Amino acid sequence: MTTQTWFITGSSRGLGRALTAAALEAGDNVVATARKPEQLDDFVATYGDRVHPVALDVTDATAARAAIAEGAAHFGRLDVIVNNAGYSNVSPIETTTDEDFRTQFETNFWGVYNVSKAAVPLLREQGSGLVMQISSIGGRVGGSPGIASYQAAKFAIDGFSRVLRVETAPFGVKVLVVEPSGFKTDWAGASMTVHEVPEAYESTVGAMNKRMRQNPEGPAGDPQRAAEILVRVAKRQHVPDHLPLGVNAAEGALAHDRARVLDDEAWRLVSRSADFGEPYPVQLPPDVG
C-alpha cells in the first residue's frame, strides 16, 4: 500500500492526536501542526523523521501558507490535508459576546479556509490529494443549544467544501467532510469554556451542557477507532462526500435526511409554483404538527 504524507492541524490533542498516531502506525509520514509543537515531542521520539512538527495558528493565513510549504518541502509532497483544529464554548446566543462568537468562528471556519486555500495550489500541481474536513454531525443536523458559533462554522465548512470539491475535482483532488458525534476527547473538557447560563436557558443550554460535560459515562466514540477508520478511508480511490462517525452520527444523519425528504415532498408543488409557467396558486399542505 502506498505511503502517504499527512498534514494535520490540531495534532496535539483529541482526534487530531489520535489521527497523527494512526497515520504513523500505518507507516505514513505526518506534518503535525499545533500552536505548541513541543507537545508533539513524544511522536518525534518514537517515529523520528517520519513526523515533522510545525507551529501553526490556523487563524493566520500567512502562517498556513508557510506551514503547507514547509511540510511539502520536508517530505516532497502532501497527500492528505486534515483540518481538525477547532473548539467550542457554551452560552446562549442572547448572552454570547460578539467577540467570543467571532473568535470561535475564526478558528472553526476561517482556519479551515486558510489551510484549504493554502493547500490547493500544491494539490493541483501534484494532480492528486485529499482534503479531509473534520466537521460534526451538528454541521448536518444542527440545533444543539449553547454552541451556535461552533455549529454555524460547521455548516459553513460543509458549504465551502461542496464548492471546493467541484472546483478541484478536475485536478484529481477529493474532499471529504467527516461528521463525528461524541468522542472521548477533551473537546467538552479543557478545550471548552462554559459561560454562565441564565435561568431562562437552563432547560435548553443548561440541559445540553449537563449531557456533554457532566455525564459520568462520557461520549461513546473511541477516537482511536475513528482515526484508524479515517486512515483506511484515505487510502481508497473513491471516498464518500460525507462520512458520519459514531452511532449517534450515523442514525442522526439518516433520520434528519429522511425528515428533510418528507418535508420537501410535502412542499414540492408550493416550491415549484414560484417559477413562471408553473401552476399558481397551489394549495398549501395541511397546517398540522
C-alpha atoms as a PDB file:
ATOM      1  CA  MET A   1       0.000   0.000   0.000  1.00  0.00           C
ATOM      2  CA  THR A   2       1.356   3.426  -0.947  1.00  0.00           C
ATOM      3  CA  THR A   3       2.863   5.535   1.810  1.00  0.00           C
ATOM      4  CA  GLN A   4       1.033   8.826   2.226  1.00  0.00           C
ATOM      5  CA  THR A   5       2.095  12.125   3.741  1.00  0.00           C
ATOM      6  CA  TRP A   6      -0.437  13.785   6.013  1.00  0.00           C
ATOM      7  CA  PHE A   7      -0.778  17.429   7.077  1.00  0.00           C
ATOM      8  CA  ILE A   8      -2.872  17.536  10.262  1.00  0.00           C
ATOM      9  CA  THR A   9      -3.943  20.636  12.182  1.00  0.00           C
ATOM     10  CA  GLY A  10      -4.595  20.428  15.910  1.00  0.00           C
ATOM     11  CA  SER A  11      -2.306  17.395  16.283  1.00  0.00           C
ATOM     12  CA  SER A  12      -1.542  17.846  19.968  1.00  0.00           C
ATOM     13  CA  ARG A  13      -4.869  16.669  21.376  1.00  0.00           C
ATOM     14  CA  GLY A  14      -8.150  14.896  20.719  1.00  0.00           C
ATOM     15  CA  LEU A  15      -8.935  13.356  17.370  1.00  0.00           C
ATOM     16  CA  GLY A  16      -6.002  15.159  15.755  1.00  0.00           C
ATOM     17  CA  ARG A  17      -3.566  13.425  18.074  1.00  0.00           C
ATOM     18  CA  ALA A  18      -5.252  10.052  17.545  1.00  0.00           C
ATOM     19  CA  LEU A  19      -5.151  10.561  13.782  1.00  0.00           C
ATOM     20  CA  THR A  20      -1.459  11.501  13.895  1.00  0.00           C
ATOM     21  CA  ALA A  21      -0.721   8.298  15.798  1.00  0.00           C
ATOM     22  CA  ALA A  22      -2.843   6.139  13.474  1.00  0.00           C
ATOM     23  CA  ALA A  23      -1.204   7.519  10.329  1.00  0.00           C
ATOM     24  CA  LEU A  24       2.264   6.961  11.754  1.00  0.00           C
ATOM     25  CA  GLU A  25       1.352   3.445  12.892  1.00  0.00           C
ATOM     26  CA  ALA A  26       0.190   2.740   9.329  1.00  0.00           C
ATOM     27  CA  GLY A  27       3.685   3.633   8.081  1.00  0.00           C
ATOM     28  CA  ASP A  28       2.762   7.077   6.737  1.00  0.00           C
ATOM     29  CA  ASN A  29       4.521  10.425   7.223  1.00  0.00           C
ATOM     30  CA  VAL A  30       2.891  13.293   9.115  1.00  0.00           C
ATOM     31  CA  VAL A  31       3.351  17.040   9.184  1.00  0.00           C
ATOM     32  CA  ALA A  32       1.882  17.525  12.646  1.00  0.00           C
ATOM     33  CA  THR A  33       0.861  21.092  13.454  1.00  0.00           C
ATOM     34  CA  ALA A  34      -0.040  22.667  16.766  1.00  0.00           C
ATOM     35  CA  ARG A  35       0.144  26.033  18.455  1.00  0.00           C
ATOM     36  CA  LYS A  36       2.781  24.482  20.750  1.00  0.00           C
ATOM     37  CA  PRO A  37       4.740  21.938  18.700  1.00  0.00           C
ATOM     38  CA  GLU A  38       6.751  20.838  21.731  1.00  0.00           C
ATOM     39  CA  GLN A  39       3.616  18.941  22.732  1.00  0.00           C
ATOM     40  CA  LEU A  40       4.458  16.589  19.854  1.00  0.00           C
ATOM     41  CA  ASP A  41       7.941  15.663  21.129  1.00  0.00           C
ATOM     42  CA  ASP A  42       6.795  12.158  22.067  1.00  0.00           C
ATOM     43  CA  PHE A  43       5.883  11.460  18.440  1.00  0.00           C
ATOM     44  CA  VAL A  44       9.331  12.594  17.313  1.00  0.00           C
ATOM     45  CA  ALA A  45      10.975  10.391  19.931  1.00  0.00           C
ATOM     46  CA  THR A  46       9.024   7.359  18.710  1.00  0.00           C
ATOM     47  CA  TYR A  47       8.795   7.913  14.950  1.00  0.00           C
ATOM     48  CA  GLY A  48      11.809  10.094  14.200  1.00  0.00           C
ATOM     49  CA  ASP A  49      11.948  11.712  10.771  1.00  0.00           C
ATOM     50  CA  ARG A  50       8.521  10.382   9.750  1.00  0.00           C
ATOM     51  CA  VAL A  51       6.876  13.123  11.807  1.00  0.00           C
ATOM     52  CA  HIS A  52       7.632  16.797  11.251  1.00  0.00           C
ATOM     53  CA  PRO A  53       6.156  19.149  13.898  1.00  0.00           C
ATOM     54  CA  VAL A  54       5.264  22.662  12.761  1.00  0.00           C
ATOM     55  CA  ALA A  55       3.974  25.582  14.821  1.00  0.00           C
ATOM     56  CA  LEU A  56       0.705  26.835  13.386  1.00  0.00           C
ATOM     57  CA  ASP A  57      -2.118  29.120  14.398  1.00  0.00           C
ATOM     58  CA  VAL A  58      -4.702  28.314  11.723  1.00  0.00           C
ATOM     59  CA  THR A  59      -6.300  31.757  12.007  1.00  0.00           C
ATOM     60  CA  ASP A  60      -3.121  33.223  10.453  1.00  0.00           C
ATOM     61  CA  ALA A  61      -3.394  32.813   6.660  1.00  0.00           C
ATOM     62  CA  THR A  62       0.268  33.674   6.104  1.00  0.00           C
ATOM     63  CA  ALA A  63       1.334  31.086   8.657  1.00  0.00           C
ATOM     64  CA  ALA A  64      -0.928  28.484   6.996  1.00  0.00           C
ATOM     65  CA  ARG A  65       0.750  29.051   3.635  1.00  0.00           C
ATOM     66  CA  ALA A  66       4.182  28.829   5.240  1.00  0.00           C
ATOM     67  CA  ALA A  67       3.305  25.604   7.087  1.00  0.00           C
ATOM     68  CA  ILE A  68       1.996  23.941   3.926  1.00  0.00           C
ATOM     69  CA  ALA A  69       5.140  24.987   2.042  1.00  0.00           C
ATOM     70  CA  GLU A  70       7.404  23.748   4.843  1.00  0.00           C
ATOM     71  CA  GLY A  71       5.650  20.400   5.056  1.00  0.00           C
ATOM     72  CA  ALA A  72       5.774  19.876   1.305  1.00  0.00           C
ATOM     73  CA  ALA A  73       9.444  20.830   1.187  1.00  0.00           C
ATOM     74  CA  HIS A  74      10.291  18.467   4.033  1.00  0.00           C
ATOM     75  CA  PHE A  75       8.579  15.360   2.611  1.00  0.00           C
ATOM     76  CA  GLY A  76       8.412  16.273  -1.088  1.00  0.00           C
ATOM     77  CA  ARG A  77       4.599  16.186  -1.287  1.00  0.00           C
ATOM     78  CA  LEU A  78       1.410  16.249   0.788  1.00  0.00           C
ATOM     79  CA  ASP A  79      -1.311  13.685   0.146  1.00  0.00           C
ATOM     80  CA  VAL A  80      -3.902  14.237   2.893  1.00  0.00           C
ATOM     81  CA  ILE A  81      -4.754  17.655   4.338  1.00  0.00           C
ATOM     82  CA  VAL A  82      -6.723  17.320   7.589  1.00  0.00           C
ATOM     83  CA  ASN A  83      -8.481  20.370   9.008  1.00  0.00           C
ATOM     84  CA  ASN A  84      -9.047  19.232  12.559  1.00  0.00           C
ATOM     85  CA  ALA A  85      -8.232  22.246  14.760  1.00  0.00           C
ATOM     86  CA  GLY A  86     -11.314  23.631  16.466  1.00  0.00           C
ATOM     87  CA  TYR A  87     -13.065  24.270  19.754  1.00  0.00           C
ATOM     88  CA  SER A  88     -16.379  25.383  21.202  1.00  0.00           C
ATOM     89  CA  ASN A  89     -17.541  27.500  24.124  1.00  0.00           C
ATOM     90  CA  VAL A  90     -21.001  27.253  25.680  1.00  0.00           C
ATOM     91  CA  SER A  91     -23.502  30.067  26.142  1.00  0.00           C
ATOM     92  CA  PRO A  92     -26.894  31.069  24.716  1.00  0.00           C
ATOM     93  CA  ILE A  93     -26.877  33.246  21.593  1.00  0.00           C
ATOM     94  CA  GLU A  94     -28.562  36.010  23.595  1.00  0.00           C
ATOM     95  CA  THR A  95     -25.706  36.284  26.103  1.00  0.00           C
ATOM     96  CA  THR A  96     -22.719  35.245  23.966  1.00  0.00           C
ATOM     97  CA  THR A  97     -20.407  38.196  23.435  1.00  0.00           C
ATOM     98  CA  ASP A  98     -19.790  39.185  19.838  1.00  0.00           C
ATOM     99  CA  GLU A  99     -16.050  38.794  20.452  1.00  0.00           C
ATOM    100  CA  ASP A 100     -16.405  35.210  21.711  1.00  0.00           C
ATOM    101  CA  PHE A 101     -18.680  34.231  18.814  1.00  0.00           C
ATOM    102  CA  ARG A 102     -16.298  35.724  16.237  1.00  0.00           C
ATOM    103  CA  THR A 103     -13.170  34.303  17.863  1.00  0.00           C
ATOM    104  CA  GLN A 104     -14.593  30.770  17.757  1.00  0.00           C
ATOM    105  CA  PHE A 105     -15.603  31.271  14.130  1.00  0.00           C
ATOM    106  CA  GLU A 106     -12.085  32.468  13.258  1.00  0.00           C
ATOM    107  CA  THR A 107     -10.651  29.091  14.260  1.00  0.00           C
ATOM    108  CA  ASN A 108     -13.526  26.809  13.343  1.00  0.00           C
ATOM    109  CA  PHE A 109     -14.247  28.198   9.873  1.00  0.00           C
ATOM    110  CA  TRP A 110     -11.551  30.638   8.786  1.00  0.00           C
ATOM    111  CA  GLY A 111      -8.846  28.233   9.948  1.00  0.00           C
ATOM    112  CA  VAL A 112     -10.289  25.599   7.604  1.00  0.00           C
ATOM    113  CA  TYR A 113     -10.499  28.176   4.821  1.00  0.00           C
ATOM    114  CA  ASN A 114      -6.896  29.309   5.345  1.00  0.00           C
ATOM    115  CA  VAL A 115      -5.364  25.827   5.323  1.00  0.00           C
ATOM    116  CA  SER A 116      -7.539  24.513   2.487  1.00  0.00           C
ATOM    117  CA  LYS A 117      -6.791  27.509   0.279  1.00  0.00           C
ATOM    118  CA  ALA A 118      -3.070  27.262   1.039  1.00  0.00           C
ATOM    119  CA  ALA A 119      -3.053  23.574   0.060  1.00  0.00           C
ATOM    120  CA  VAL A 120      -4.980  23.837  -3.226  1.00  0.00           C
ATOM    121  CA  PRO A 121      -2.106  25.079  -5.445  1.00  0.00           C
ATOM    122  CA  LEU A 122       0.121  22.238  -4.238  1.00  0.00           C
ATOM    123  CA  LEU A 123      -2.544  19.561  -4.725  1.00  0.00           C
ATOM    124  CA  ARG A 124      -3.452  20.962  -8.147  1.00  0.00           C
ATOM    125  CA  GLU A 125       0.185  20.817  -9.272  1.00  0.00           C
ATOM    126  CA  GLN A 126       0.519  17.267  -7.912  1.00  0.00           C
ATOM    127  CA  GLY A 127      -2.655  16.203  -9.671  1.00  0.00           C
ATOM    128  CA  SER A 128      -3.890  14.409  -6.565  1.00  0.00           C
ATOM    129  CA  GLY A 129      -4.719  14.766  -2.891  1.00  0.00           C
ATOM    130  CA  LEU A 130      -7.448  14.507  -0.286  1.00  0.00           C
ATOM    131  CA  VAL A 131      -8.771  17.373   1.807  1.00  0.00           C
ATOM    132  CA  MET A 132     -10.360  15.928   4.944  1.00  0.00           C
ATOM    133  CA  GLN A 133     -12.527  18.380   6.876  1.00  0.00           C
ATOM    134  CA  ILE A 134     -13.291  17.303  10.447  1.00  0.00           C
ATOM    135  CA  SER A 135     -16.764  18.739  10.885  1.00  0.00           C
ATOM    136  CA  SER A 136     -19.505  17.439  13.204  1.00  0.00           C
ATOM    137  CA  ILE A 137     -22.827  15.691  12.877  1.00  0.00           C
ATOM    138  CA  GLY A 138     -24.082  19.024  14.211  1.00  0.00           C
ATOM    139  CA  GLY A 139     -22.915  20.507  10.911  1.00  0.00           C
ATOM    140  CA  ARG A 140     -25.608  18.449   9.191  1.00  0.00           C
ATOM    141  CA  VAL A 141     -28.345  18.190  11.813  1.00  0.00           C
ATOM    142  CA  GLY A 142     -27.691  21.321  13.903  1.00  0.00           C
ATOM    143  CA  GLY A 143     -29.861  22.549  16.741  1.00  0.00           C
ATOM    144  CA  SER A 144     -27.544  21.896  19.705  1.00  0.00           C
ATOM    145  CA  PRO A 145     -28.335  24.596  22.296  1.00  0.00           C
ATOM    146  CA  GLY A 146     -25.394  26.667  23.521  1.00  0.00           C
ATOM    147  CA  ILE A 147     -22.894  26.141  20.702  1.00  0.00           C
ATOM    148  CA  ALA A 148     -24.261  28.349  17.917  1.00  0.00           C
ATOM    149  CA  SER A 149     -20.894  29.683  16.755  1.00  0.00           C
ATOM    150  CA  TYR A 150     -19.399  26.195  16.535  1.00  0.00           C
ATOM    151  CA  GLN A 151     -22.344  24.731  14.628  1.00  0.00           C
ATOM    152  CA  ALA A 152     -22.621  27.742  12.330  1.00  0.00           C
ATOM    153  CA  ALA A 153     -18.960  27.228  11.426  1.00  0.00           C
ATOM    154  CA  LYS A 154     -19.544  23.536  10.710  1.00  0.00           C
ATOM    155  CA  PHE A 155     -22.433  24.350   8.373  1.00  0.00           C
ATOM    156  CA  ALA A 156     -20.173  26.904   6.675  1.00  0.00           C
ATOM    157  CA  ILE A 157     -17.441  24.263   6.289  1.00  0.00           C
ATOM    158  CA  ASP A 158     -19.903  21.978   4.525  1.00  0.00           C
ATOM    159  CA  GLY A 159     -20.980  24.675   2.080  1.00  0.00           C
ATOM    160  CA  PHE A 160     -17.371  25.701   1.459  1.00  0.00           C
ATOM    161  CA  SER A 161     -16.303  22.080   0.959  1.00  0.00           C
ATOM    162  CA  ARG A 162     -19.077  21.360  -1.556  1.00  0.00           C
ATOM    163  CA  VAL A 163     -17.761  24.152  -3.773  1.00  0.00           C
ATOM    164  CA  LEU A 164     -14.124  23.159  -3.174  1.00  0.00           C
ATOM    165  CA  ARG A 165     -14.966  19.575  -4.190  1.00  0.00           C
ATOM    166  CA  VAL A 166     -16.457  20.645  -7.531  1.00  0.00           C
ATOM    167  CA  GLU A 167     -13.717  23.152  -8.327  1.00  0.00           C
ATOM    168  CA  THR A 168     -10.799  20.815  -7.599  1.00  0.00           C
ATOM    169  CA  ALA A 169     -12.193  17.511  -8.899  1.00  0.00           C
ATOM    170  CA  PRO A 170     -10.705  18.101 -12.371  1.00  0.00           C
ATOM    171  CA  PHE A 171      -7.267  18.249 -10.708  1.00  0.00           C
ATOM    172  CA  GLY A 172      -7.648  14.823  -9.077  1.00  0.00           C
ATOM    173  CA  VAL A 173      -8.387  16.326  -5.649  1.00  0.00           C
ATOM    174  CA  LYS A 174     -11.003  14.767  -3.350  1.00  0.00           C
ATOM    175  CA  VAL A 175     -12.824  16.467  -0.463  1.00  0.00           C
ATOM    176  CA  LEU A 176     -14.283  14.504   2.453  1.00  0.00           C
ATOM    177  CA  VAL A 177     -16.384  16.058   5.222  1.00  0.00           C
ATOM    178  CA  VAL A 178     -16.209  13.931   8.387  1.00  0.00           C
ATOM    179  CA  GLU A 179     -19.200  14.259  10.733  1.00  0.00           C
ATOM    180  CA  PRO A 180     -18.448  12.747  14.155  1.00  0.00           C
ATOM    181  CA  SER A 181     -20.858  12.501  17.044  1.00  0.00           C
ATOM    182  CA  GLY A 182     -19.497  12.492  20.617  1.00  0.00           C
ATOM    183  CA  PHE A 183     -15.993  11.084  21.163  1.00  0.00           C
ATOM    184  CA  LYS A 184     -13.884  10.701  24.296  1.00  0.00           C
ATOM    185  CA  THR A 185     -11.626  13.705  23.747  1.00  0.00           C
ATOM    186  CA  ASP A 186     -11.182  16.926  25.690  1.00  0.00           C
ATOM    187  CA  TRP A 187     -13.423  18.845  23.244  1.00  0.00           C
ATOM    188  CA  ALA A 188     -16.014  19.215  26.013  1.00  0.00           C
ATOM    189  CA  GLY A 189     -13.345  19.400  28.737  1.00  0.00           C
ATOM    190  CA  ALA A 190     -10.289  21.628  28.929  1.00  0.00           C
ATOM    191  CA  SER A 191     -10.877  22.971  25.411  1.00  0.00           C
ATOM    192  CA  MET A 192     -14.328  24.318  26.270  1.00  0.00           C
ATOM    193  CA  THR A 193     -15.327  27.343  28.338  1.00  0.00           C
ATOM    194  CA  VAL A 194     -18.832  27.165  29.763  1.00  0.00           C
ATOM    195  CA  HIS A 195     -20.123  30.663  30.416  1.00  0.00           C
ATOM    196  CA  GLU A 196     -22.857  31.433  32.915  1.00  0.00           C
ATOM    197  CA  VAL A 197     -26.178  30.031  31.729  1.00  0.00           C
ATOM    198  CA  PRO A 198     -29.154  32.256  32.627  1.00  0.00           C
ATOM    199  CA  GLU A 199     -32.071  30.548  34.347  1.00  0.00           C
ATOM    200  CA  ALA A 200     -34.290  31.112  31.296  1.00  0.00           C
ATOM    201  CA  TYR A 201     -31.976  28.834  29.285  1.00  0.00           C
ATOM    202  CA  GLU A 202     -31.487  26.123  31.879  1.00  0.00           C
ATOM    203  CA  SER A 203     -33.884  23.712  30.135  1.00  0.00           C
ATOM    204  CA  THR A 204     -32.049  24.030  26.812  1.00  0.00           C
ATOM    205  CA  VAL A 205     -28.434  25.221  27.100  1.00  0.00           C
ATOM    206  CA  GLY A 206     -28.094  24.026  30.684  1.00  0.00           C
ATOM    207  CA  ALA A 207     -29.513  20.590  29.915  1.00  0.00           C
ATOM    208  CA  MET A 208     -27.222  20.175  26.903  1.00  0.00           C
ATOM    209  CA  ASN A 209     -24.229  21.210  28.995  1.00  0.00           C
ATOM    210  CA  LYS A 210     -25.035  18.535  31.570  1.00  0.00           C
ATOM    211  CA  ARG A 211     -25.275  15.884  28.859  1.00  0.00           C
ATOM    212  CA  MET A 212     -21.989  16.966  27.268  1.00  0.00           C
ATOM    213  CA  ARG A 213     -19.763  17.718  30.254  1.00  0.00           C
ATOM    214  CA  GLN A 214     -21.323  16.157  33.335  1.00  0.00           C
ATOM    215  CA  ASN A 215     -22.282  12.691  32.092  1.00  0.00           C
ATOM    216  CA  PRO A 216     -20.047  10.279  34.063  1.00  0.00           C
ATOM    217  CA  GLU A 217     -20.103   7.735  31.240  1.00  0.00           C
ATOM    218  CA  GLY A 218     -18.798  10.253  28.730  1.00  0.00           C
ATOM    219  CA  PRO A 219     -19.284  10.064  24.949  1.00  0.00           C
ATOM    220  CA  ALA A 220     -19.487   6.688  23.251  1.00  0.00           C
ATOM    221  CA  GLY A 221     -16.999   7.401  20.468  1.00  0.00           C
ATOM    222  CA  ASP A 222     -13.496   5.893  20.510  1.00  0.00           C
ATOM    223  CA  PRO A 223     -11.046   8.389  18.914  1.00  0.00           C
ATOM    224  CA  GLN A 224      -8.525   5.639  18.163  1.00  0.00           C
ATOM    225  CA  ARG A 225     -11.092   3.648  16.193  1.00  0.00           C
ATOM    226  CA  ALA A 226     -12.204   6.808  14.377  1.00  0.00           C
ATOM    227  CA  ALA A 227      -8.616   7.636  13.473  1.00  0.00           C
ATOM    228  CA  GLU A 228      -7.914   4.145  12.180  1.00  0.00           C
ATOM    229  CA  ILE A 229     -11.080   4.277  10.058  1.00  0.00           C
ATOM    230  CA  LEU A 230     -10.031   7.597   8.531  1.00  0.00           C
ATOM    231  CA  VAL A 231      -6.547   6.311   7.683  1.00  0.00           C
ATOM    232  CA  ARG A 232      -8.134   3.362   5.865  1.00  0.00           C
ATOM    233  CA  VAL A 233     -10.621   5.607   4.059  1.00  0.00           C
ATOM    234  CA  ALA A 234      -7.828   7.974   2.946  1.00  0.00           C
ATOM    235  CA  LYS A 235      -6.133   5.144   1.075  1.00  0.00           C
ATOM    236  CA  ARG A 236      -9.195   4.424  -1.083  1.00  0.00           C
ATOM    237  CA  GLN A 237      -9.541   5.615  -4.650  1.00  0.00           C
ATOM    238  CA  HIS A 238     -13.166   6.596  -4.022  1.00  0.00           C
ATOM    239  CA  VAL A 239     -14.262   8.305  -0.795  1.00  0.00           C
ATOM    240  CA  PRO A 240     -17.734   9.477   0.267  1.00  0.00           C
ATOM    241  CA  ASP A 241     -18.543  13.180   0.202  1.00  0.00           C
ATOM    242  CA  HIS A 242     -19.667  12.957   3.841  1.00  0.00           C
ATOM    243  CA  LEU A 243     -18.835  10.370   6.483  1.00  0.00           C
ATOM    244  CA  PRO A 244     -20.774  10.309   9.784  1.00  0.00           C
ATOM    245  CA  LEU A 245     -18.745   8.647  12.564  1.00  0.00           C
ATOM    246  CA  GLY A 246     -20.373   7.102  15.623  1.00  0.00           C
ATOM    247  CA  VAL A 247     -23.795   5.593  16.286  1.00  0.00           C
ATOM    248  CA  ASN A 248     -25.466   8.925  17.029  1.00  0.00           C
ATOM    249  CA  ALA A 249     -23.942  10.419  13.884  1.00  0.00           C
ATOM    250  CA  ALA A 250     -24.971   7.529  11.647  1.00  0.00           C
ATOM    251  CA  GLU A 251     -28.530   7.281  12.929  1.00  0.00           C
ATOM    252  CA  GLY A 252     -28.977  11.032  13.347  1.00  0.00           C
ATOM    253  CA  ALA A 253     -27.867  11.719   9.786  1.00  0.00           C
ATOM    254  CA  LEU A 254     -30.309   9.190   8.353  1.00  0.00           C
ATOM    255  CA  ALA A 255     -33.218  10.408  10.485  1.00  0.00           C
ATOM    256  CA  HIS A 256     -32.504  14.032   9.581  1.00  0.00           C
ATOM    257  CA  ASP A 257     -32.188  13.355   5.870  1.00  0.00           C
ATOM    258  CA  ARG A 258     -35.387  11.274   5.792  1.00  0.00           C
ATOM    259  CA  ALA A 259     -37.293  14.060   7.551  1.00  0.00           C
ATOM    260  CA  ARG A 260     -35.947  16.616   5.072  1.00  0.00           C
ATOM    261  CA  VAL A 261     -37.068  14.473   2.140  1.00  0.00           C
ATOM    262  CA  LEU A 262     -40.572  14.157   3.607  1.00  0.00           C
ATOM    263  CA  ASP A 263     -40.777  17.946   4.076  1.00  0.00           C
ATOM    264  CA  ASP A 264     -39.506  18.608   0.575  1.00  0.00           C
ATOM    265  CA  GLU A 265     -42.031  16.195  -0.913  1.00  0.00           C
ATOM    266  CA  ALA A 266     -44.876  17.766   1.073  1.00  0.00           C
ATOM    267  CA  TRP A 267     -43.993  21.296  -0.107  1.00  0.00           C
ATOM    268  CA  ARG A 268     -42.834  20.359  -3.626  1.00  0.00           C
ATOM    269  CA  LEU A 269     -45.785  21.809  -5.538  1.00  0.00           C
ATOM    270  CA  VAL A 270     -45.658  25.009  -3.479  1.00  0.00           C
ATOM    271  CA  SER A 271     -41.940  25.330  -4.148  1.00  0.00           C
ATOM    272  CA  ARG A 272     -42.380  24.775  -7.890  1.00  0.00           C
ATOM    273  CA  SER A 273     -45.193  27.330  -8.077  1.00  0.00           C
ATOM    274  CA  ALA A 274     -42.744  30.213  -7.542  1.00  0.00           C
ATOM    275  CA  ASP A 275     -41.497  29.876 -11.157  1.00  0.00           C
ATOM    276  CA  PHE A 276     -43.123  31.414 -14.254  1.00  0.00           C
ATOM    277  CA  GLY A 277     -45.059  28.819 -16.221  1.00  0.00           C
ATOM    278  CA  GLU A 278     -45.933  26.667 -13.187  1.00  0.00           C
ATOM    279  CA  PRO A 279     -49.483  26.316 -11.845  1.00  0.00           C
ATOM    280  CA  TYR A 280     -50.259  29.132  -9.365  1.00  0.00           C
ATOM    281  CA  PRO A 281     -51.570  29.462  -6.755  1.00  0.00           C
ATOM    282  CA  VAL A 282     -51.474  25.984  -5.280  1.00  0.00           C
ATOM    283  CA  GLN A 283     -52.863  24.731  -2.008  1.00  0.00           C
ATOM    284  CA  LEU A 284     -50.501  24.696   0.969  1.00  0.00           C
ATOM    285  CA  PRO A 285     -50.028  21.402   2.850  1.00  0.00           C
ATOM    286  CA  PRO A 286     -52.327  20.789   5.850  1.00  0.00           C
ATOM    287  CA  ASP A 287     -51.386  23.078   8.765  1.00  0.00           C
ATOM    288  CA  VAL A 288     -50.895  20.338  11.352  1.00  0.00           C
ATOM    289  CA  GLY A 289     -47.966  19.452  13.608  1.00  0.00           C
END
